[in-house]
Amino acid sequence: MSKLEKAIYNLLNPSSTVTFQELEYILGKFGYHEKKTGKTAGSRKAFLNDETMHIIRLHEPHPQNEVKEYVKKYIIEELKSQYLL
């Protein structure tokens, strides 16, 4: 199982935990990069796909590094809406 396959498996599995770094890795593999301009500062992050101009907005978790279940569901919905999952 590749690193990407493992990260996606963890994202889709409700009982698995996903770190913010894993989420950034997944988004990067699907063509998203962090947009550093605009109303993103501190823990607010925006990820842009240059091909589709689709934006995913998140809050980076702190002090723990694991994303909440509702964030996992949001990411899954967003990636499915773009036909990436």
PDB file of N, CA and C in Angstrom:
ATOM      1  N   MET A   1       0.857  -1.174   0.000  1.00  0.00           N
ATOM      2  CA  MET A   1       0.000   0.000   0.000  1.00  0.00           C
ATOM      3  C   MET A   1       0.902   1.237   0.000  1.00  0.00           C
ATOM      4  N   SER A   2       0.685   2.139  -0.956  1.00  0.00           N
ATOM      5  CA  SER A   2       1.506   3.337  -1.046  1.00  0.00           C
ATOM      6  C   SER A   2       1.129   4.333   0.053  1.00  0.00           C
ATOM      7  N   LYS A   3       1.957   5.328   0.222  1.00  0.00           N
ATOM      8  CA  LYS A   3       1.707   6.355   1.234  1.00  0.00           C
ATOM      9  C   LYS A   3       0.376   7.060   0.952  1.00  0.00           C
ATOM     10  N   LEU A   4       0.104   7.366  -0.316  1.00  0.00           N
ATOM     11  CA  LEU A   4      -1.147   8.026  -0.677  1.00  0.00           C
ATOM     12  C   LEU A   4      -2.339   7.123  -0.403  1.00  0.00           C
ATOM     13  N   GLU A   5      -2.232   5.854  -0.782  1.00  0.00           N
ATOM     14  CA  GLU A   5      -3.328   4.916  -0.535  1.00  0.00           C
ATOM     15  C   GLU A   5      -3.611   4.778   0.959  1.00  0.00           C
ATOM     16  N   LYS A   6      -2.573   4.739   1.769  1.00  0.00           N
ATOM     17  CA  LYS A   6      -2.751   4.639   3.219  1.00  0.00           C
ATOM     18  C   LYS A   6      -3.414   5.900   3.773  1.00  0.00           C
ATOM     19  N   ALA A   7      -2.990   7.059   3.296  1.00  0.00           N
ATOM     20  CA  ALA A   7      -3.571   8.319   3.765  1.00  0.00           C
ATOM     21  C   ALA A   7      -5.047   8.415   3.369  1.00  0.00           C
ATOM     22  N   ILE A   8      -5.376   8.003   2.146  1.00  0.00           N
ATOM     23  CA  ILE A   8      -6.774   8.027   1.703  1.00  0.00           C
ATOM     24  C   ILE A   8      -7.599   7.022   2.498  1.00  0.00           C
ATOM     25  N   TYR A   9      -7.036   5.847   2.757  1.00  0.00           N
ATOM     26  CA  TYR A   9      -7.722   4.846   3.569  1.00  0.00           C
ATOM     27  C   TYR A   9      -8.057   5.430   4.942  1.00  0.00           C
ATOM     28  N   ASN A  10      -7.082   6.096   5.567  1.00  0.00           N
ATOM     29  CA  ASN A  10      -7.315   6.709   6.878  1.00  0.00           C
ATOM     30  C   ASN A  10      -8.368   7.804   6.799  1.00  0.00           C
ATOM     31  N   LEU A  11      -8.374   8.551   5.714  1.00  0.00           N
ATOM     32  CA  LEU A  11      -9.369   9.612   5.540  1.00  0.00           C
ATOM     33  C   LEU A  11     -10.771   9.022   5.429  1.00  0.00           C
ATOM     34  N   LEU A  12     -10.915   7.945   4.681  1.00  0.00           N
ATOM     35  CA  LEU A  12     -12.231   7.354   4.443  1.00  0.00           C
ATOM     36  C   LEU A  12     -12.717   6.468   5.588  1.00  0.00           C
ATOM     37  N   ASN A  13     -11.819   6.017   6.441  1.00  0.00           N
ATOM     38  CA  ASN A  13     -12.172   5.139   7.549  1.00  0.00           C
ATOM     39  C   ASN A  13     -12.537   5.977   8.775  1.00  0.00           C
ATOM     40  N   PRO A  14     -13.805   5.939   9.216  1.00  0.00           N
ATOM     41  CA  PRO A  14     -14.224   6.773  10.355  1.00  0.00           C
ATOM     42  C   PRO A  14     -13.483   6.486  11.659  1.00  0.00           C
ATOM     43  N   SER A  15     -12.956   5.270  11.824  1.00  0.00           N
ATOM     44  CA  SER A  15     -12.274   4.949  13.077  1.00  0.00           C
ATOM     45  C   SER A  15     -10.789   5.302  13.052  1.00  0.00           C
ATOM     46  N   SER A  16     -10.281   5.756  11.912  1.00  0.00           N
ATOM     47  CA  SER A  16      -8.865   6.128  11.801  1.00  0.00           C
ATOM     48  C   SER A  16      -8.673   7.610  12.074  1.00  0.00           C
ATOM     49  N   THR A  17      -7.488   7.939  12.534  1.00  0.00           N
ATOM     50  CA  THR A  17      -7.146   9.340  12.731  1.00  0.00           C
ATOM     51  C   THR A  17      -6.322   9.825  11.546  1.00  0.00           C
ATOM     52  N   VAL A  18      -6.467  11.110  11.239  1.00  0.00           N
ATOM     53  CA  VAL A  18      -5.726  11.739  10.152  1.00  0.00           C
ATOM     54  C   VAL A  18      -5.072  12.993  10.710  1.00  0.00           C
ATOM     55  N   THR A  19      -3.778  13.138  10.469  1.00  0.00           N
ATOM     56  CA  THR A  19      -3.092  14.348  10.905  1.00  0.00           C
ATOM     57  C   THR A  19      -3.262  15.431   9.836  1.00  0.00           C
ATOM     58  N   PHE A  20      -3.025  16.650  10.232  1.00  0.00           N
ATOM     59  CA  PHE A  20      -3.138  17.756   9.288  1.00  0.00           C
ATOM     60  C   PHE A  20      -2.096  17.611   8.178  1.00  0.00           C
ATOM     61  N   GLN A  21      -0.917  17.087   8.510  1.00  0.00           N
ATOM     62  CA  GLN A  21       0.122  16.882   7.499  1.00  0.00           C
ATOM     63  C   GLN A  21      -0.317  15.844   6.466  1.00  0.00           C
ATOM     64  N   GLU A  22      -0.997  14.785   6.911  1.00  0.00           N
ATOM     65  CA  GLU A  22      -1.525  13.791   5.969  1.00  0.00           C
ATOM     66  C   GLU A  22      -2.569  14.427   5.053  1.00  0.00           C
ATOM     67  N   LEU A  23      -3.398  15.282   5.624  1.00  0.00           N
ATOM     68  CA  LEU A  23      -4.420  15.967   4.837  1.00  0.00           C
ATOM     69  C   LEU A  23      -3.779  16.882   3.799  1.00  0.00           C
ATOM     70  N   GLU A  24      -2.734  17.613   4.182  1.00  0.00           N
ATOM     71  CA  GLU A  24      -2.003  18.452   3.232  1.00  0.00           C
ATOM     72  C   GLU A  24      -1.379  17.601   2.127  1.00  0.00           C
ATOM     73  N   TYR A  25      -0.868  16.431   2.493  1.00  0.00           N
ATOM     74  CA  TYR A  25      -0.256  15.517   1.522  1.00  0.00           C
ATOM     75  C   TYR A  25      -1.298  15.053   0.501  1.00  0.00           C
ATOM     76  N   ILE A  26      -2.470  14.638   0.987  1.00  0.00           N
ATOM     77  CA  ILE A  26      -3.543  14.186   0.102  1.00  0.00           C
ATOM     78  C   ILE A  26      -3.958  15.306  -0.845  1.00  0.00           C
ATOM     79  N   LEU A  27      -4.199  16.484  -0.290  1.00  0.00           N
ATOM     80  CA  LEU A  27      -4.615  17.614  -1.121  1.00  0.00           C
ATOM     81  C   LEU A  27      -3.547  17.951  -2.155  1.00  0.00           C
ATOM     82  N   GLY A  28      -2.285  17.890  -1.755  1.00  0.00           N
ATOM     83  CA  GLY A  28      -1.191  18.153  -2.694  1.00  0.00           C
ATOM     84  C   GLY A  28      -1.161  17.161  -3.838  1.00  0.00           C
ATOM     85  N   LYS A  29      -1.408  15.904  -3.541  1.00  0.00           N
ATOM     86  CA  LYS A  29      -1.426  14.870  -4.581  1.00  0.00           C
ATOM     87  C   LYS A  29      -2.592  15.054  -5.548  1.00  0.00           C
ATOM     88  N   PHE A  30      -3.669  15.709  -5.098  1.00  0.00           N
ATOM     89  CA  PHE A  30      -4.818  15.973  -5.956  1.00  0.00           C
ATOM     90  C   PHE A  30      -4.742  17.349  -6.616  1.00  0.00           C
ATOM     91  N   GLY A  31      -3.583  17.999  -6.534  1.00  0.00           N
ATOM     92  CA  GLY A  31      -3.366  19.249  -7.253  1.00  0.00           C
ATOM     93  C   GLY A  31      -3.658  20.517  -6.477  1.00  0.00           C
ATOM     94  N   TYR A  32      -3.859  20.412  -5.179  1.00  0.00           N
ATOM     95  CA  TYR A  32      -4.128  21.602  -4.356  1.00  0.00           C
ATOM     96  C   TYR A  32      -2.834  22.099  -3.738  1.00  0.00           C
ATOM     97  N   HIS A  33      -2.742  23.392  -3.564  1.00  0.00           N
ATOM     98  CA  HIS A  33      -1.619  23.977  -2.838  1.00  0.00           C
ATOM     99  C   HIS A  33      -2.166  25.054  -1.917  1.00  0.00           C
ATOM    100  N   GLU A  34      -1.423  25.341  -0.860  1.00  0.00           N
ATOM    101  CA  GLU A  34      -1.888  26.333   0.103  1.00  0.00           C
ATOM    102  C   GLU A  34      -1.811  27.710  -0.506  1.00  0.00           C
ATOM    103  N   LYS A  35      -2.917  28.415  -0.431  1.00  0.00           N
ATOM    104  CA  LYS A  35      -2.987  29.786  -0.933  1.00  0.00           C
ATOM    105  C   LYS A  35      -2.614  30.705   0.226  1.00  0.00           C
ATOM    106  N   LYS A  36      -1.560  31.473   0.046  1.00  0.00           N
ATOM    107  CA  LYS A  36      -1.013  32.267   1.154  1.00  0.00           C
ATOM    108  C   LYS A  36      -1.550  33.695   1.203  1.00  0.00           C
ATOM    109  N   THR A  37      -2.412  34.074   0.259  1.00  0.00           N
ATOM    110  CA  THR A  37      -2.902  35.449   0.239  1.00  0.00           C
ATOM    111  C   THR A  37      -4.371  35.486   0.629  1.00  0.00           C
ATOM    112  N   GLY A  38      -4.867  36.669   0.862  1.00  0.00           N
ATOM    113  CA  GLY A  38      -6.278  36.831   1.190  1.00  0.00           C
ATOM    114  C   GLY A  38      -6.520  36.677   2.678  1.00  0.00           C
ATOM    115  N   LYS A  39      -7.718  36.234   3.006  1.00  0.00           N
ATOM    116  CA  LYS A  39      -8.115  36.146   4.405  1.00  0.00           C
ATOM    117  C   LYS A  39      -7.736  34.805   5.012  1.00  0.00           C
ATOM    118  N   THR A  40      -6.479  34.448   4.898  1.00  0.00           N
ATOM    119  CA  THR A  40      -5.973  33.252   5.562  1.00  0.00           C
ATOM    120  C   THR A  40      -4.797  33.679   6.423  1.00  0.00           C
ATOM    121  N   ALA A  41      -4.927  33.451   7.695  1.00  0.00           N
ATOM    122  CA  ALA A  41      -3.851  33.809   8.610  1.00  0.00           C
ATOM    123  C   ALA A  41      -3.919  32.884   9.809  1.00  0.00           C
ATOM    124  N   GLY A  42      -2.786  32.649  10.424  1.00  0.00           N
ATOM    125  CA  GLY A  42      -2.766  31.796  11.605  1.00  0.00           C
ATOM    126  C   GLY A  42      -3.201  30.390  11.266  1.00  0.00           C
ATOM    127  N   SER A  43      -4.258  29.921  11.936  1.00  0.00           N
ATOM    128  CA  SER A  43      -4.695  28.542  11.727  1.00  0.00           C
ATOM    129  C   SER A  43      -5.672  28.404  10.564  1.00  0.00           C
ATOM    130  N   ARG A  44      -6.113  29.501   9.974  1.00  0.00           N
ATOM    131  CA  ARG A  44      -7.005  29.416   8.812  1.00  0.00           C
ATOM    132  C   ARG A  44      -6.175  29.144   7.568  1.00  0.00           C
ATOM    133  N   LYS A  45      -6.556  28.122   6.820  1.00  0.00           N
ATOM    134  CA  LYS A  45      -5.826  27.725   5.616  1.00  0.00           C
ATOM    135  C   LYS A  45      -6.782  27.605   4.446  1.00  0.00           C
ATOM    136  N   ALA A  46      -6.320  27.982   3.274  1.00  0.00           N
ATOM    137  CA  ALA A  46      -7.078  27.811   2.042  1.00  0.00           C
ATOM    138  C   ALA A  46      -6.198  27.045   1.067  1.00  0.00           C
ATOM    139  N   PHE A  47      -6.768  26.026   0.452  1.00  0.00           N
ATOM    140  CA  PHE A  47      -6.057  25.206  -0.529  1.00  0.00           C
ATOM    141  C   PHE A  47      -6.747  25.370  -1.869  1.00  0.00           C
ATOM    142  N   LEU A  48      -5.969  25.715  -2.883  1.00  0.00           N
ATOM    143  CA  LEU A  48      -6.491  26.023  -4.212  1.00  0.00           C
ATOM    144  C   LEU A  48      -5.997  25.001  -5.219  1.00  0.00           C
ATOM    145  N   ASN A  49      -6.910  24.569  -6.084  1.00  0.00           N
ATOM    146  CA  ASN A  49      -6.543  23.730  -7.217  1.00  0.00           C
ATOM    147  C   ASN A  49      -6.499  24.655  -8.422  1.00  0.00           C
ATOM    148  N   ASP A  50      -5.314  24.850  -9.010  1.00  0.00           N
ATOM    149  CA  ASP A  50      -5.153  25.800 -10.108  1.00  0.00           C
ATOM    150  C   ASP A  50      -5.919  25.405 -11.364  1.00  0.00           C
ATOM    151  N   GLU A  51      -6.101  24.106 -11.592  1.00  0.00           N
ATOM    152  CA  GLU A  51      -6.826  23.659 -12.785  1.00  0.00           C
ATOM    153  C   GLU A  51      -8.301  23.995 -12.713  1.00  0.00           C
ATOM    154  N   THR A  52      -8.919  23.691 -11.568  1.00  0.00           N
ATOM    155  CA  THR A  52     -10.366  23.858 -11.438  1.00  0.00           C
ATOM    156  C   THR A  52     -10.743  25.145 -10.708  1.00  0.00           C
ATOM    157  N   MET A  53      -9.770  25.800 -10.097  1.00  0.00           N
ATOM    158  CA  MET A  53      -9.985  26.997  -9.279  1.00  0.00           C
ATOM    159  C   MET A  53     -10.875  26.699  -8.068  1.00  0.00           C
ATOM    160  N   HIS A  54     -10.908  25.441  -7.662  1.00  0.00           N
ATOM    161  CA  HIS A  54     -11.688  25.015  -6.498  1.00  0.00           C
ATOM    162  C   HIS A  54     -10.887  25.311  -5.237  1.00  0.00           C
ATOM    163  N   ILE A  55     -11.546  25.872  -4.231  1.00  0.00           N
ATOM    164  CA  ILE A  55     -10.888  26.228  -2.974  1.00  0.00           C
ATOM    165  C   ILE A  55     -11.479  25.396  -1.844  1.00  0.00           C
ATOM    166  N   ILE A  56     -10.599  24.866  -1.009  1.00  0.00           N
ATOM    167  CA  ILE A  56     -11.003  24.170   0.210  1.00  0.00           C
ATOM    168  C   ILE A  56     -10.449  24.970   1.377  1.00  0.00           C
ATOM    169  N   ARG A  57     -11.339  25.378   2.276  1.00  0.00           N
ATOM    170  CA  ARG A  57     -10.921  26.179   3.430  1.00  0.00           C
ATOM    171  C   ARG A  57     -11.010  25.332   4.701  1.00  0.00           C
ATOM    172  N   LEU A  58      -9.956  25.424   5.513  1.00  0.00           N
ATOM    173  CA  LEU A  58      -9.858  24.629   6.740  1.00  0.00           C
ATOM    174  C   LEU A  58      -9.261  25.455   7.864  1.00  0.00           C
ATOM    175  N   HIS A  59      -9.430  24.958   9.067  1.00  0.00           N
ATOM    176  CA  HIS A  59      -8.693  25.460  10.219  1.00  0.00           C
ATOM    177  C   HIS A  59      -7.695  24.382  10.603  1.00  0.00           C
ATOM    178  N   GLU A  60      -6.444  24.780  10.741  1.00  0.00           N
ATOM    179  CA  GLU A  60      -5.420  23.828  11.179  1.00  0.00           C
ATOM    180  C   GLU A  60      -5.663  23.530  12.655  1.00  0.00           C
ATOM    181  N   PRO A  61      -5.732  22.243  13.022  1.00  0.00           N
ATOM    182  CA  PRO A  61      -6.011  21.910  14.425  1.00  0.00           C
ATOM    183  C   PRO A  61      -4.833  22.278  15.324  1.00  0.00           C
ATOM    184  N   HIS A  62      -5.180  22.704  16.532  1.00  0.00           N
ATOM    185  CA  HIS A  62      -4.152  22.987  17.523  1.00  0.00           C
ATOM    186  C   HIS A  62      -4.779  22.890  18.895  1.00  0.00           C
ATOM    187  N   PRO A  63      -4.141  22.490  19.920  1.00  0.00           N
ATOM    188  CA  PRO A  63      -2.740  22.101  19.962  1.00  0.00           C
ATOM    189  C   PRO A  63      -2.493  20.687  19.419  1.00  0.00           C
ATOM    190  N   GLN A  64      -3.538  19.842  19.345  1.00  0.00           N
ATOM    191  CA  GLN A  64      -3.332  18.523  18.756  1.00  0.00           C
ATOM    192  C   GLN A  64      -3.200  18.670  17.248  1.00  0.00           C
ATOM    193  N   ASN A  65      -2.689  17.623  16.621  1.00  0.00           N
ATOM    194  CA  ASN A  65      -2.434  17.658  15.189  1.00  0.00           C
ATOM    195  C   ASN A  65      -3.479  16.871  14.394  1.00  0.00           C
ATOM    196  N   GLU A  66      -4.375  16.168  15.092  1.00  0.00           N
ATOM    197  CA  GLU A  66      -5.365  15.327  14.420  1.00  0.00           C
ATOM    198  C   GLU A  66      -6.588  16.147  14.033  1.00  0.00           C
ATOM    199  N   VAL A  67      -7.074  15.926  12.806  1.00  0.00           N
ATOM    200  CA  VAL A  67      -8.259  16.645  12.348  1.00  0.00           C
ATOM    201  C   VAL A  67      -9.506  15.976  12.910  1.00  0.00           C
ATOM    202  N   LYS A  68     -10.535  16.762  13.133  1.00  0.00           N
ATOM    203  CA  LYS A  68     -11.796  16.270  13.675  1.00  0.00           C
ATOM    204  C   LYS A  68     -12.564  15.488  12.612  1.00  0.00           C
ATOM    205  N   GLU A  69     -13.517  14.700  13.062  1.00  0.00           N
ATOM    206  CA  GLU A  69     -14.309  13.871  12.157  1.00  0.00           C
ATOM    207  C   GLU A  69     -15.106  14.722  11.163  1.00  0.00           C
ATOM    208  N   TYR A  70     -15.648  15.864  11.611  1.00  0.00           N
ATOM    209  CA  TYR A  70     -16.423  16.705  10.695  1.00  0.00           C
ATOM    210  C   TYR A  70     -15.534  17.297   9.595  1.00  0.00           C
ATOM    211  N   VAL A  71     -14.258  17.509   9.884  1.00  0.00           N
ATOM    212  CA  VAL A  71     -13.325  18.010   8.872  1.00  0.00           C
ATOM    213  C   VAL A  71     -13.053  16.910   7.845  1.00  0.00           C
ATOM    214  N   LYS A  72     -12.892  15.669   8.319  1.00  0.00           N
ATOM    215  CA  LYS A  72     -12.699  14.550   7.401  1.00  0.00           C
ATOM    216  C   LYS A  72     -13.898  14.426   6.466  1.00  0.00           C
ATOM    217  N   LYS A  73     -15.108  14.528   7.012  1.00  0.00           N
ATOM    218  CA  LYS A  73     -16.319  14.428   6.185  1.00  0.00           C
ATOM    219  C   LYS A  73     -16.371  15.565   5.167  1.00  0.00           C
ATOM    220  N   TYR A  74     -15.997  16.771   5.592  1.00  0.00           N
ATOM    221  CA  TYR A  74     -15.988  17.929   4.694  1.00  0.00           C
ATOM    222  C   TYR A  74     -15.008  17.707   3.537  1.00  0.00           C
ATOM    223  N   ILE A  75     -13.814  17.225   3.841  1.00  0.00           N
ATOM    224  CA  ILE A  75     -12.805  16.984   2.805  1.00  0.00           C
ATOM    225  C   ILE A  75     -13.284  15.907   1.838  1.00  0.00           C
ATOM    226  N   ILE A  76     -13.863  14.838   2.374  1.00  0.00           N
ATOM    227  CA  ILE A  76     -14.380  13.766   1.514  1.00  0.00           C
ATOM    228  C   ILE A  76     -15.445  14.316   0.573  1.00  0.00           C
ATOM    229  N   GLU A  77     -16.384  15.103   1.098  1.00  0.00           N
ATOM    230  CA  GLU A  77     -17.442  15.693   0.266  1.00  0.00           C
ATOM    231  C   GLU A  77     -16.865  16.605  -0.811  1.00  0.00           C
ATOM    232  N   GLU A  78     -15.886  17.432  -0.432  1.00  0.00           N
ATOM    233  CA  GLU A  78     -15.283  18.356  -1.392  1.00  0.00           C
ATOM    234  C   GLU A  78     -14.538  17.612  -2.501  1.00  0.00           C
ATOM    235  N   LEU A  79     -13.783  16.588  -2.136  1.00  0.00           N
ATOM    236  CA  LEU A  79     -13.040  15.833  -3.142  1.00  0.00           C
ATOM    237  C   LEU A  79     -13.990  15.027  -4.032  1.00  0.00           C
ATOM    238  N   LYS A  80     -15.066  14.512  -3.461  1.00  0.00           N
ATOM    239  CA  LYS A  80     -16.063  13.796  -4.289  1.00  0.00           C
ATOM    240  C   LYS A  80     -16.762  14.755  -5.244  1.00  0.00           C
ATOM    241  N   SER A  81     -17.017  15.972  -4.788  1.00  0.00           N
ATOM    242  CA  SER A  81     -17.679  16.951  -5.657  1.00  0.00           C
ATOM    243  C   SER A  81     -16.813  17.310  -6.865  1.00  0.00           C
ATOM    244  N   GLN A  82     -15.507  17.117  -6.736  1.00  0.00           N
ATOM    245  CA  GLN A  82     -14.567  17.396  -7.821  1.00  0.00           C
ATOM    246  C   GLN A  82     -14.199  16.104  -8.570  1.00  0.00           C
ATOM    247  N   TYR A  83     -14.885  15.020  -8.247  1.00  0.00           N
ATOM    248  CA  TYR A  83     -14.667  13.700  -8.864  1.00  0.00           C
ATOM    249  C   TYR A  83     -13.231  13.197  -8.659  1.00  0.00           C
ATOM    250  N   LEU A  84     -12.668  13.492  -7.496  1.00  0.00           N
ATOM    251  CA  LEU A  84     -11.310  13.038  -7.192  1.00  0.00           C
ATOM    252  C   LEU A  84     -11.314  11.795  -6.315  1.00  0.00           C
ATOM    253  N   LEU A  85     -12.425  11.552  -5.623  1.00  0.00           N
ATOM    254  CA  LEU A  85     -12.558  10.334  -4.790  1.00  0.00           C
ATOM    255  C   LEU A  85     -13.714   9.519  -5.299  1.00  0.00           C
TER     256      LEU A  85
END
